[in-house]
C-alpha atoms as a PDB file:
ATOM      1  CA  MET A   1       0.000   0.000   0.000  1.00  0.00           C
ATOM      2  CA  THR A   2       2.763   2.443   0.933  1.00  0.00           C
ATOM      3  CA  LYS A   3       4.678   1.802  -2.302  1.00  0.00           C
ATOM      4  CA  THR A   4       1.539   2.412  -4.356  1.00  0.00           C
ATOM      5  CA  LEU A   5       0.840   5.660  -2.540  1.00  0.00           C
ATOM      6  CA  LEU A   6       4.429   6.792  -3.033  1.00  0.00           C
ATOM      7  CA  ALA A   7       4.254   5.937  -6.747  1.00  0.00           C
ATOM      8  CA  VAL A   8       1.041   7.925  -7.169  1.00  0.00           C
ATOM      9  CA  LEU A   9       2.539  10.882  -5.317  1.00  0.00           C
ATOM     10  CA  CYS A  10       5.675  10.835  -7.477  1.00  0.00           C
ATOM     11  CA  LEU A  11       3.600  10.664 -10.660  1.00  0.00           C
ATOM     12  CA  SER A  12       1.452  13.569  -9.493  1.00  0.00           C
ATOM     13  CA  VAL A  13       4.526  15.715  -8.829  1.00  0.00           C
ATOM     14  CA  ALA A  14       6.027  14.806 -12.204  1.00  0.00           C
ATOM     15  CA  LEU A  15       2.835  15.692 -14.061  1.00  0.00           C
ATOM     16  CA  ALA A  16       2.472  18.983 -12.198  1.00  0.00           C
ATOM     17  CA  ALA A  17       6.032  19.925 -13.110  1.00  0.00           C
ATOM     18  CA  ALA A  18       5.665  18.955 -16.775  1.00  0.00           C
ATOM     19  CA  PRO A  19       5.430  21.858 -19.210  1.00  0.00           C
ATOM     20  CA  ASP A  20       1.985  22.414 -20.653  1.00  0.00           C
ATOM     21  CA  GLU A  21       2.556  22.116 -24.407  1.00  0.00           C
ATOM     22  CA  THR A  22      -1.144  22.527 -25.204  1.00  0.00           C
ATOM     23  CA  SER A  23      -1.207  26.101 -23.935  1.00  0.00           C
ATOM     24  CA  PRO A  24       2.190  27.721 -24.481  1.00  0.00           C
ATOM     25  CA  VAL A  25       0.782  31.258 -24.220  1.00  0.00           C
ATOM     26  CA  ALA A  26      -0.674  30.527 -20.785  1.00  0.00           C
ATOM     27  CA  ALA A  27       2.561  28.842 -19.707  1.00  0.00           C
ATOM     28  CA  ALA A  28       4.589  31.896 -20.752  1.00  0.00           C
ATOM     29  CA  ALA A  29       2.170  34.223 -18.963  1.00  0.00           C
ATOM     30  CA  MET A  30       2.418  32.047 -15.853  1.00  0.00           C
ATOM     31  CA  ARG A  31       6.218  32.536 -15.971  1.00  0.00           C
ATOM     32  CA  GLN A  32       5.603  36.275 -16.400  1.00  0.00           C
ATOM     33  CA  ASP A  33       7.490  36.191 -19.712  1.00  0.00           C
ATOM     34  CA  ALA A  34       5.717  38.928 -21.664  1.00  0.00           C
ATOM     35  CA  ALA A  35       8.219  38.772 -24.539  1.00  0.00           C
ATOM     36  CA  ALA A  36       7.512  35.069 -25.028  1.00  0.00           C
ATOM     37  CA  VAL A  37       3.749  35.680 -24.875  1.00  0.00           C
ATOM     38  CA  ARG A  38       4.013  38.321 -27.582  1.00  0.00           C
ATOM     39  CA  ALA A  39       6.242  36.102 -29.746  1.00  0.00           C
ATOM     40  CA  LEU A  40       3.848  33.169 -29.380  1.00  0.00           C
ATOM     41  CA  LEU A  41       0.876  35.330 -30.311  1.00  0.00           C
ATOM     42  CA  LYS A  42       2.758  36.680 -33.309  1.00  0.00           C
ATOM     43  CA  ALA A  43       3.437  33.060 -34.333  1.00  0.00           C
ATOM     44  CA  GLY A  44      -0.304  32.394 -34.292  1.00  0.00           C
ATOM     45  CA  LYS A  45      -0.644  30.451 -31.036  1.00  0.00           C
ATOM     46  CA  ASP A  46      -4.082  30.384 -29.412  1.00  0.00           C
ATOM     47  CA  VAL A  47      -4.494  33.236 -26.912  1.00  0.00           C
ATOM     48  CA  ASN A  48      -7.361  31.339 -25.252  1.00  0.00           C
ATOM     49  CA  ALA A  49      -5.747  27.908 -24.906  1.00  0.00           C
ATOM     50  CA  ALA A  50      -6.169  26.873 -21.288  1.00  0.00           C
ATOM     51  CA  GLN A  51      -3.973  24.823 -19.020  1.00  0.00           C
ATOM     52  CA  GLY A  52      -5.356  21.669 -17.418  1.00  0.00           C
ATOM     53  CA  ASP A  53      -7.004  23.605 -14.600  1.00  0.00           C
ATOM     54  CA  GLY A  54      -8.582  26.111 -16.974  1.00  0.00           C
ATOM     55  CA  MET A  55      -6.056  28.902 -16.410  1.00  0.00           C
ATOM     56  CA  THR A  56      -5.516  31.047 -19.497  1.00  0.00           C
ATOM     57  CA  ALA A  57      -2.883  33.657 -20.210  1.00  0.00           C
ATOM     58  CA  LEU A  58      -5.387  36.359 -19.263  1.00  0.00           C
ATOM     59  CA  HIS A  59      -5.981  34.678 -15.890  1.00  0.00           C
ATOM     60  CA  TRP A  60      -2.229  34.644 -15.256  1.00  0.00           C
ATOM     61  CA  ALA A  61      -1.803  38.273 -16.298  1.00  0.00           C
ATOM     62  CA  ALA A  62      -4.561  39.253 -13.873  1.00  0.00           C
ATOM     63  CA  MET A  63      -3.161  37.089 -11.058  1.00  0.00           C
ATOM     64  CA  ASN A  64       0.263  38.646 -11.565  1.00  0.00           C
ATOM     65  CA  GLY A  65      -1.137  42.179 -11.745  1.00  0.00           C
ATOM     66  CA  ASP A  66       0.343  42.719 -15.211  1.00  0.00           C
ATOM     67  CA  ALA A  67      -1.984  45.294 -16.790  1.00  0.00           C
ATOM     68  CA  ASP A  68       0.214  45.730 -19.877  1.00  0.00           C
ATOM     69  CA  LEU A  69       0.169  42.020 -20.635  1.00  0.00           C
ATOM     70  CA  ALA A  70      -3.563  41.822 -19.937  1.00  0.00           C
ATOM     71  CA  SER A  71      -4.128  44.658 -22.377  1.00  0.00           C
ATOM     72  CA  ALA A  72      -2.040  42.927 -25.061  1.00  0.00           C
ATOM     73  CA  LEU A  73      -3.943  39.673 -24.511  1.00  0.00           C
ATOM     74  CA  LEU A  74      -7.299  41.437 -24.771  1.00  0.00           C
ATOM     75  CA  TYR A  75      -6.163  43.104 -27.998  1.00  0.00           C
ATOM     76  CA  ALA A  76      -5.235  39.618 -29.286  1.00  0.00           C
ATOM     77  CA  GLY A  77      -8.761  38.377 -28.549  1.00  0.00           C
ATOM     78  CA  ALA A  78      -8.492  36.867 -25.065  1.00  0.00           C
ATOM     79  CA  ASN A  79     -11.825  35.625 -23.739  1.00  0.00           C
ATOM     80  CA  VAL A  80     -12.822  37.642 -20.670  1.00  0.00           C
ATOM     81  CA  ARG A  81     -15.456  35.025 -19.765  1.00  0.00           C
ATOM     82  CA  ALA A  82     -13.079  32.042 -19.548  1.00  0.00           C
ATOM     83  CA  THR A  83     -13.437  30.132 -16.298  1.00  0.00           C
ATOM     84  CA  THR A  84     -11.193  27.860 -14.271  1.00  0.00           C
ATOM     85  CA  ARG A  85     -11.971  24.877 -12.117  1.00  0.00           C
END
């Protein structure tokens, strides 16, 4: 039982630490990397792609208090009605 629990815990940590390739714009915003967000948007990446928990780049910009990034995301078409879990 203990080994199974430890294995599940290790897998959970590994998955949480894995980069989210399905939402690179949100991942860059989470890292507070505005230059990467802008480059990804310029490359045509989805501004509204959400991470597994529903967090979008706009959510991260708001959580980080980054009004400039939030403004850029809104200009790029970020959905203001997106929800998280």
